[in-house]
Amino acid sequence: SHHPNTLGSSVLTEEQRAKLSPQDILELLKSGN
């Protein structure tokens, strides 16, 4: 994002997802909530 409350224009890439563990993703969901 270019703004803390803006989701950026780029869709999630395979490389970005590969760097995240299942626990990382759980924490992202908690943070997003």
PDB file of all heavy atoms in Angstrom:
ATOM      1  N   SER A   1       0.817  -1.191   0.000  1.00  0.00           N
ATOM      2  CA  SER A   1       0.000   0.000   0.000  1.00  0.00           C
ATOM      3  C   SER A   1       0.861   1.254   0.000  1.00  0.00           C
ATOM      4  O   SER A   1       1.958   1.286   0.527  1.00  0.00           O
ATOM      5  CB  SER A   1      -0.913   0.008   1.225  1.00  0.00           C
ATOM      6  OG  SER A   1      -1.699  -1.150   1.265  1.00  0.00           O
ATOM      7  N   HIS A   2       0.281   2.323  -0.551  1.00  0.00           N
ATOM      8  CA  HIS A   2       0.910   3.632  -0.503  1.00  0.00           C
ATOM      9  C   HIS A   2       0.321   4.470   0.617  1.00  0.00           C
ATOM     10  O   HIS A   2       0.789   5.565   0.894  1.00  0.00           O
ATOM     11  CB  HIS A   2       0.739   4.341  -1.848  1.00  0.00           C
ATOM     12  CG  HIS A   2       1.358   3.579  -2.988  1.00  0.00           C
ATOM     13  ND1 HIS A   2       2.720   3.422  -3.117  1.00  0.00           N
ATOM     14  CD2 HIS A   2       0.806   2.910  -4.030  1.00  0.00           C
ATOM     15  CE1 HIS A   2       2.985   2.704  -4.207  1.00  0.00           C
ATOM     16  NE2 HIS A   2       1.844   2.379  -4.762  1.00  0.00           N
ATOM     17  N   HIS A   3      -0.712   3.988   1.248  1.00  0.00           N
ATOM     18  CA  HIS A   3      -1.379   4.657   2.363  1.00  0.00           C
ATOM     19  C   HIS A   3      -1.734   3.571   3.354  1.00  0.00           C
ATOM     20  O   HIS A   3      -2.124   2.475   2.967  1.00  0.00           O
ATOM     21  CB  HIS A   3      -2.644   5.369   1.850  1.00  0.00           C
ATOM     22  CG  HIS A   3      -3.363   6.147   2.905  1.00  0.00           C
ATOM     23  ND1 HIS A   3      -4.180   5.540   3.827  1.00  0.00           N
ATOM     24  CD2 HIS A   3      -3.389   7.470   3.191  1.00  0.00           C
ATOM     25  CE1 HIS A   3      -4.684   6.457   4.636  1.00  0.00           C
ATOM     26  NE2 HIS A   3      -4.228   7.633   4.272  1.00  0.00           N
ATOM     27  N   PRO A   4      -1.615   3.804   4.662  1.00  0.00           N
ATOM     28  CA  PRO A   4      -1.834   2.733   5.629  1.00  0.00           C
ATOM     29  C   PRO A   4      -3.220   2.120   5.572  1.00  0.00           C
ATOM     30  O   PRO A   4      -3.417   0.990   5.990  1.00  0.00           O
ATOM     31  CB  PRO A   4      -1.595   3.425   6.982  1.00  0.00           C
ATOM     32  CG  PRO A   4      -1.695   4.895   6.709  1.00  0.00           C
ATOM     33  CD  PRO A   4      -1.211   5.064   5.301  1.00  0.00           C
ATOM     34  N   ASN A   5      -4.206   2.853   5.033  1.00  0.00           N
ATOM     35  CA  ASN A   5      -5.563   2.332   4.961  1.00  0.00           C
ATOM     36  C   ASN A   5      -5.970   1.981   3.536  1.00  0.00           C
ATOM     37  O   ASN A   5      -7.146   1.853   3.233  1.00  0.00           O
ATOM     38  CB  ASN A   5      -6.540   3.356   5.539  1.00  0.00           C
ATOM     39  CG  ASN A   5      -6.302   3.581   7.016  1.00  0.00           C
ATOM     40  OD1 ASN A   5      -5.831   2.682   7.688  1.00  0.00           O
ATOM     41  ND2 ASN A   5      -6.601   4.759   7.500  1.00  0.00           N
ATOM     42  N   THR A   6      -5.007   1.884   2.645  1.00  0.00           N
ATOM     43  CA  THR A   6      -5.292   1.575   1.256  1.00  0.00           C
ATOM     44  C   THR A   6      -4.677   0.236   0.877  1.00  0.00           C
ATOM     45  O   THR A   6      -3.508  -0.002   1.129  1.00  0.00           O
ATOM     46  CB  THR A   6      -4.715   2.662   0.314  1.00  0.00           C
ATOM     47  OG1 THR A   6      -5.226   3.922   0.705  1.00  0.00           O
ATOM     48  CG2 THR A   6      -5.103   2.385  -1.126  1.00  0.00           C
ATOM     49  N   LEU A   7      -5.483  -0.630   0.260  1.00  0.00           N
ATOM     50  CA  LEU A   7      -4.949  -1.856  -0.301  1.00  0.00           C
ATOM     51  C   LEU A   7      -4.436  -1.522  -1.688  1.00  0.00           C
ATOM     52  O   LEU A   7      -5.149  -0.950  -2.510  1.00  0.00           O
ATOM     53  CB  LEU A   7      -6.035  -2.933  -0.372  1.00  0.00           C
ATOM     54  CG  LEU A   7      -6.591  -3.372   0.982  1.00  0.00           C
ATOM     55  CD1 LEU A   7      -7.692  -4.395   0.778  1.00  0.00           C
ATOM     56  CD2 LEU A   7      -5.503  -3.940   1.861  1.00  0.00           C
ATOM     57  N   GLY A   8      -3.211  -1.894  -1.973  1.00  0.00           N
ATOM     58  CA  GLY A   8      -2.560  -1.458  -3.198  1.00  0.00           C
ATOM     59  C   GLY A   8      -3.210  -2.007  -4.452  1.00  0.00           C
ATOM     60  O   GLY A   8      -4.085  -2.869  -4.414  1.00  0.00           O
ATOM     61  N   SER A   9      -2.765  -1.514  -5.585  1.00  0.00           N
ATOM     62  CA  SER A   9      -3.368  -1.883  -6.864  1.00  0.00           C
ATOM     63  C   SER A   9      -2.899  -3.247  -7.354  1.00  0.00           C
ATOM     64  O   SER A   9      -3.501  -3.827  -8.241  1.00  0.00           O
ATOM     65  CB  SER A   9      -3.041  -0.818  -7.916  1.00  0.00           C
ATOM     66  OG  SER A   9      -1.645  -0.713  -8.092  1.00  0.00           O
ATOM     67  N   SER A  10      -1.816  -3.767  -6.802  1.00  0.00           N
ATOM     68  CA  SER A  10      -1.244  -5.026  -7.285  1.00  0.00           C
ATOM     69  C   SER A  10      -1.857  -6.215  -6.559  1.00  0.00           C
ATOM     70  O   SER A  10      -1.966  -6.228  -5.336  1.00  0.00           O
ATOM     71  CB  SER A  10       0.276  -5.034  -7.081  1.00  0.00           C
ATOM     72  OG  SER A  10       0.886  -3.986  -7.801  1.00  0.00           O
ATOM     73  N   VAL A  11      -2.248  -7.224  -7.332  1.00  0.00           N
ATOM     74  CA  VAL A  11      -2.787  -8.438  -6.744  1.00  0.00           C
ATOM     75  C   VAL A  11      -1.642  -9.246  -6.136  1.00  0.00           C
ATOM     76  O   VAL A  11      -0.484  -9.135  -6.549  1.00  0.00           O
ATOM     77  CB  VAL A  11      -3.537  -9.250  -7.820  1.00  0.00           C
ATOM     78  CG1 VAL A  11      -2.569  -9.915  -8.792  1.00  0.00           C
ATOM     79  CG2 VAL A  11      -4.477 -10.269  -7.195  1.00  0.00           C
ATOM     80  N   LEU A  12      -1.951 -10.059  -5.138  1.00  0.00           N
ATOM     81  CA  LEU A  12      -0.951 -10.876  -4.460  1.00  0.00           C
ATOM     82  C   LEU A  12      -0.250 -11.801  -5.455  1.00  0.00           C
ATOM     83  O   LEU A  12      -0.891 -12.416  -6.307  1.00  0.00           O
ATOM     84  CB  LEU A  12      -1.635 -11.706  -3.374  1.00  0.00           C
ATOM     85  CG  LEU A  12      -0.742 -12.461  -2.398  1.00  0.00           C
ATOM     86  CD1 LEU A  12      -0.094 -11.484  -1.422  1.00  0.00           C
ATOM     87  CD2 LEU A  12      -1.564 -13.497  -1.628  1.00  0.00           C
ATOM     88  N   THR A  13       1.060 -11.915  -5.353  1.00  0.00           N
ATOM     89  CA  THR A  13       1.822 -12.771  -6.260  1.00  0.00           C
ATOM     90  C   THR A  13       2.168 -14.101  -5.605  1.00  0.00           C
ATOM     91  O   THR A  13       2.127 -14.247  -4.376  1.00  0.00           O
ATOM     92  CB  THR A  13       3.133 -12.089  -6.692  1.00  0.00           C
ATOM     93  OG1 THR A  13       4.006 -11.997  -5.554  1.00  0.00           O
ATOM     94  CG2 THR A  13       2.872 -10.710  -7.263  1.00  0.00           C
ATOM     95  N   GLU A  14       2.537 -15.060  -6.424  1.00  0.00           N
ATOM     96  CA  GLU A  14       2.945 -16.371  -5.918  1.00  0.00           C
ATOM     97  C   GLU A  14       4.182 -16.252  -5.041  1.00  0.00           C
ATOM     98  O   GLU A  14       4.303 -16.932  -4.020  1.00  0.00           O
ATOM     99  CB  GLU A  14       3.212 -17.312  -7.090  1.00  0.00           C
ATOM    100  CG  GLU A  14       3.511 -18.735  -6.680  1.00  0.00           C
ATOM    101  CD  GLU A  14       3.639 -19.675  -7.854  1.00  0.00           C
ATOM    102  OE1 GLU A  14       3.773 -19.190  -8.998  1.00  0.00           O
ATOM    103  OE2 GLU A  14       3.618 -20.901  -7.623  1.00  0.00           O
ATOM    104  N   GLU A  15       5.102 -15.372  -5.433  1.00  0.00           N
ATOM    105  CA  GLU A  15       6.336 -15.193  -4.667  1.00  0.00           C
ATOM    106  C   GLU A  15       6.042 -14.598  -3.286  1.00  0.00           C
ATOM    107  O   GLU A  15       6.651 -15.009  -2.286  1.00  0.00           O
ATOM    108  CB  GLU A  15       7.293 -14.271  -5.433  1.00  0.00           C
ATOM    109  CG  GLU A  15       7.879 -14.877  -6.701  1.00  0.00           C
ATOM    110  CD  GLU A  15       6.881 -14.919  -7.850  1.00  0.00           C
ATOM    111  OE1 GLU A  15       5.871 -14.166  -7.807  1.00  0.00           O
ATOM    112  OE2 GLU A  15       7.095 -15.721  -8.782  1.00  0.00           O
ATOM    113  N   GLN A  16       5.124 -13.648  -3.222  1.00  0.00           N
ATOM    114  CA  GLN A  16       4.764 -13.053  -1.936  1.00  0.00           C
ATOM    115  C   GLN A  16       4.139 -14.091  -1.014  1.00  0.00           C
ATOM    116  O   GLN A  16       4.462 -14.163   0.168  1.00  0.00           O
ATOM    117  CB  GLN A  16       3.801 -11.885  -2.157  1.00  0.00           C
ATOM    118  CG  GLN A  16       4.449 -10.651  -2.739  1.00  0.00           C
ATOM    119  CD  GLN A  16       3.429  -9.587  -3.105  1.00  0.00           C
ATOM    120  OE1 GLN A  16       2.327  -9.890  -3.556  1.00  0.00           O
ATOM    121  NE2 GLN A  16       3.800  -8.326  -2.899  1.00  0.00           N
ATOM    122  N   ARG A  17       3.230 -14.899  -1.566  1.00  0.00           N
ATOM    123  CA  ARG A  17       2.584 -15.920  -0.747  1.00  0.00           C
ATOM    124  C   ARG A  17       3.579 -16.975  -0.278  1.00  0.00           C
ATOM    125  O   ARG A  17       3.497 -17.456   0.863  1.00  0.00           O
ATOM    126  CB  ARG A  17       1.437 -16.582  -1.507  1.00  0.00           C
ATOM    127  CG  ARG A  17       0.647 -17.563  -0.648  1.00  0.00           C
ATOM    128  CD  ARG A  17      -0.511 -18.183  -1.394  1.00  0.00           C
ATOM    129  NE  ARG A  17      -0.056 -19.016  -2.511  1.00  0.00           N
ATOM    130  CZ  ARG A  17      -0.879 -19.630  -3.349  1.00  0.00           C
ATOM    131  NH1 ARG A  17      -2.184 -19.484  -3.212  1.00  0.00           N
ATOM    132  NH2 ARG A  17      -0.404 -20.378  -4.330  1.00  0.00           N
ATOM    133  N   ALA A  18       4.513 -17.341  -1.122  1.00  0.00           N
ATOM    134  CA  ALA A  18       5.480 -18.383  -0.779  1.00  0.00           C
ATOM    135  C   ALA A  18       6.313 -18.016   0.440  1.00  0.00           C
ATOM    136  O   ALA A  18       6.767 -18.896   1.180  1.00  0.00           O
ATOM    137  CB  ALA A  18       6.384 -18.665  -1.972  1.00  0.00           C
ATOM    138  N   LYS A  19       6.519 -16.733   0.676  1.00  0.00           N
ATOM    139  CA  LYS A  19       7.328 -16.272   1.804  1.00  0.00           C
ATOM    140  C   LYS A  19       6.573 -16.326   3.130  1.00  0.00           C
ATOM    141  O   LYS A  19       7.170 -16.165   4.191  1.00  0.00           O
ATOM    142  CB  LYS A  19       7.805 -14.845   1.552  1.00  0.00           C
ATOM    143  CG  LYS A  19       8.757 -14.713   0.378  1.00  0.00           C
ATOM    144  CD  LYS A  19       9.126 -13.258   0.127  1.00  0.00           C
ATOM    145  CE  LYS A  19      10.041 -13.115  -1.082  1.00  0.00           C
ATOM    146  NZ  LYS A  19      10.354 -11.678  -1.353  1.00  0.00           N
ATOM    147  N   LEU A  20       5.262 -16.570   3.067  1.00  0.00           N
ATOM    148  CA  LEU A  20       4.432 -16.541   4.271  1.00  0.00           C
ATOM    149  C   LEU A  20       4.113 -17.947   4.750  1.00  0.00           C
ATOM    150  O   LEU A  20       3.716 -18.814   3.963  1.00  0.00           O
ATOM    151  CB  LEU A  20       3.127 -15.792   3.999  1.00  0.00           C
ATOM    152  CG  LEU A  20       3.265 -14.318   3.599  1.00  0.00           C
ATOM    153  CD1 LEU A  20       1.912 -13.760   3.162  1.00  0.00           C
ATOM    154  CD2 LEU A  20       3.836 -13.495   4.749  1.00  0.00           C
ATOM    155  N   SER A  21       4.263 -18.174   6.041  1.00  0.00           N
ATOM    156  CA  SER A  21       3.864 -19.447   6.641  1.00  0.00           C
ATOM    157  C   SER A  21       2.364 -19.388   6.961  1.00  0.00           C
ATOM    158  O   SER A  21       1.764 -18.303   6.994  1.00  0.00           O
ATOM    159  CB  SER A  21       4.649 -19.688   7.934  1.00  0.00           C
ATOM    160  OG  SER A  21       4.227 -18.773   8.944  1.00  0.00           O
ATOM    161  N   PRO A  22       1.732 -20.537   7.216  1.00  0.00           N
ATOM    162  CA  PRO A  22       0.336 -20.504   7.654  1.00  0.00           C
ATOM    163  C   PRO A  22       0.121 -19.625   8.876  1.00  0.00           C
ATOM    164  O   PRO A  22      -0.882 -18.904   8.965  1.00  0.00           O
ATOM    165  CB  PRO A  22       0.044 -21.983   7.954  1.00  0.00           C
ATOM    166  CG  PRO A  22       0.954 -22.739   7.037  1.00  0.00           C
ATOM    167  CD  PRO A  22       2.207 -21.923   6.999  1.00  0.00           C
ATOM    168  N   GLN A  23       1.067 -19.643   9.825  1.00  0.00           N
ATOM    169  CA  GLN A  23       0.939 -18.812  11.027  1.00  0.00           C
ATOM    170  C   GLN A  23       1.049 -17.326  10.670  1.00  0.00           C
ATOM    171  O   GLN A  23       0.331 -16.490  11.239  1.00  0.00           O
ATOM    172  CB  GLN A  23       2.008 -19.179  12.048  1.00  0.00           C
ATOM    173  CG  GLN A  23       1.846 -18.491  13.406  1.00  0.00           C
ATOM    174  CD  GLN A  23       0.546 -18.851  14.098  1.00  0.00           C
ATOM    175  OE1 GLN A  23       0.122 -20.012  14.085  1.00  0.00           O
ATOM    176  NE2 GLN A  23      -0.097 -17.868  14.711  1.00  0.00           N
ATOM    177  N   ASP A  24       1.926 -16.990   9.717  1.00  0.00           N
ATOM    178  CA  ASP A  24       2.034 -15.608   9.245  1.00  0.00           C
ATOM    179  C   ASP A  24       0.683 -15.127   8.703  1.00  0.00           C
ATOM    180  O   ASP A  24       0.263 -13.988   8.961  1.00  0.00           O
ATOM    181  CB  ASP A  24       3.074 -15.484   8.127  1.00  0.00           C
ATOM    182  CG  ASP A  24       4.499 -15.674   8.607  1.00  0.00           C
ATOM    183  OD1 ASP A  24       4.775 -15.421   9.796  1.00  0.00           O
ATOM    184  OD2 ASP A  24       5.341 -16.085   7.782  1.00  0.00           O
ATOM    185  N   ILE A  25       0.034 -15.989   7.951  1.00  0.00           N
ATOM    186  CA  ILE A  25      -1.244 -15.623   7.332  1.00  0.00           C
ATOM    187  C   ILE A  25      -2.321 -15.454   8.395  1.00  0.00           C
ATOM    188  O   ILE A  25      -3.146 -14.529   8.321  1.00  0.00           O
ATOM    189  CB  ILE A  25      -1.634 -16.688   6.285  1.00  0.00           C
ATOM    190  CG1 ILE A  25      -0.654 -16.614   5.106  1.00  0.00           C
ATOM    191  CG2 ILE A  25      -3.071 -16.487   5.806  1.00  0.00           C
ATOM    192  CD1 ILE A  25      -0.760 -17.757   4.125  1.00  0.00           C
ATOM    193  N   LEU A  26      -2.308 -16.311   9.407  1.00  0.00           N
ATOM    194  CA  LEU A  26      -3.250 -16.145  10.516  1.00  0.00           C
ATOM    195  C   LEU A  26      -3.053 -14.792  11.183  1.00  0.00           C
ATOM    196  O   LEU A  26      -4.027 -14.082  11.497  1.00  0.00           O
ATOM    197  CB  LEU A  26      -3.080 -17.278  11.521  1.00  0.00           C
ATOM    198  CG  LEU A  26      -3.982 -17.231  12.761  1.00  0.00           C
ATOM    199  CD1 LEU A  26      -5.454 -17.250  12.376  1.00  0.00           C
ATOM    200  CD2 LEU A  26      -3.665 -18.392  13.704  1.00  0.00           C
ATOM    201  N   GLU A  27      -1.816 -14.416  11.381  1.00  0.00           N
ATOM    202  CA  GLU A  27      -1.536 -13.123  12.009  1.00  0.00           C
ATOM    203  C   GLU A  27      -1.966 -11.962  11.110  1.00  0.00           C
ATOM    204  O   GLU A  27      -2.430 -10.927  11.611  1.00  0.00           O
ATOM    205  CB  GLU A  27      -0.047 -13.012  12.348  1.00  0.00           C
ATOM    206  CG  GLU A  27       0.425 -13.984  13.414  1.00  0.00           C
ATOM    207  CD  GLU A  27      -0.398 -13.902  14.698  1.00  0.00           C
ATOM    208  OE1 GLU A  27      -0.693 -12.776  15.143  1.00  0.00           O
ATOM    209  OE2 GLU A  27      -0.752 -14.966  15.240  1.00  0.00           O
ATOM    210  N   LEU A  28      -1.828 -12.121   9.790  1.00  0.00           N
ATOM    211  CA  LEU A  28      -2.303 -11.094   8.869  1.00  0.00           C
ATOM    212  C   LEU A  28      -3.813 -10.916   8.977  1.00  0.00           C
ATOM    213  O   LEU A  28      -4.322  -9.792   8.956  1.00  0.00           O
ATOM    214  CB  LEU A  28      -1.935 -11.461   7.433  1.00  0.00           C
ATOM    215  CG  LEU A  28      -0.539 -11.110   6.935  1.00  0.00           C
ATOM    216  CD1 LEU A  28      -0.343 -11.645   5.512  1.00  0.00           C
ATOM    217  CD2 LEU A  28      -0.305  -9.613   6.964  1.00  0.00           C
ATOM    218  N   LEU A  29      -4.536 -12.030   9.094  1.00  0.00           N
ATOM    219  CA  LEU A  29      -5.986 -11.945   9.231  1.00  0.00           C
ATOM    220  C   LEU A  29      -6.370 -11.270  10.547  1.00  0.00           C
ATOM    221  O   LEU A  29      -7.291 -10.440  10.591  1.00  0.00           O
ATOM    222  CB  LEU A  29      -6.614 -13.335   9.147  1.00  0.00           C
ATOM    223  CG  LEU A  29      -6.495 -14.068   7.807  1.00  0.00           C
ATOM    224  CD1 LEU A  29      -7.272 -15.377   7.847  1.00  0.00           C
ATOM    225  CD2 LEU A  29      -6.967 -13.205   6.650  1.00  0.00           C
ATOM    226  N   LYS A  30      -5.660 -11.607  11.610  1.00  0.00           N
ATOM    227  CA  LYS A  30      -5.937 -10.982  12.906  1.00  0.00           C
ATOM    228  C   LYS A  30      -5.653  -9.480  12.842  1.00  0.00           C
ATOM    229  O   LYS A  30      -6.428  -8.669  13.364  1.00  0.00           O
ATOM    230  CB  LYS A  30      -5.100 -11.645  14.002  1.00  0.00           C
ATOM    231  CG  LYS A  30      -5.537 -13.059  14.340  1.00  0.00           C
ATOM    232  CD  LYS A  30      -4.660 -13.655  15.435  1.00  0.00           C
ATOM    233  CE  LYS A  30      -5.125 -15.053  15.818  1.00  0.00           C
ATOM    234  NZ  LYS A  30      -4.273 -15.653  16.875  1.00  0.00           N
ATOM    235  N   SER A  31      -4.550  -9.113  12.201  1.00  0.00           N
ATOM    236  CA  SER A  31      -4.194  -7.705  12.073  1.00  0.00           C
ATOM    237  C   SER A  31      -5.214  -6.963  11.212  1.00  0.00           C
ATOM    238  O   SER A  31      -5.620  -5.833  11.529  1.00  0.00           O
ATOM    239  CB  SER A  31      -2.800  -7.583  11.454  1.00  0.00           C
ATOM    240  OG  SER A  31      -2.470  -6.232  11.221  1.00  0.00           O
ATOM    241  N   GLY A  32      -5.638  -7.595  10.132  1.00  0.00           N
ATOM    242  CA  GLY A  32      -6.639  -6.986   9.268  1.00  0.00           C
ATOM    243  C   GLY A  32      -7.964  -6.798   9.977  1.00  0.00           C
ATOM    244  O   GLY A  32      -8.650  -5.784   9.791  1.00  0.00           O
ATOM    245  N   ASN A  33      -8.335  -7.770  10.807  1.00  0.00           N
ATOM    246  CA  ASN A  33      -9.570  -7.637  11.572  1.00  0.00           C
ATOM    247  C   ASN A  33      -9.482  -6.501  12.583  1.00  0.00           C
ATOM    248  O   ASN A  33     -10.462  -5.787  12.828  1.00  0.00           O
ATOM    249  CB  ASN A  33      -9.902  -8.960  12.275  1.00  0.00           C
ATOM    250  CG  ASN A  33     -11.205  -8.901  13.043  1.00  0.00           C
ATOM    251  OD1 ASN A  33     -11.239  -9.141  14.252  1.00  0.00           O
ATOM    252  ND2 ASN A  33     -12.291  -8.580  12.366  1.00  0.00           N
TER     253      ASN A  33
END
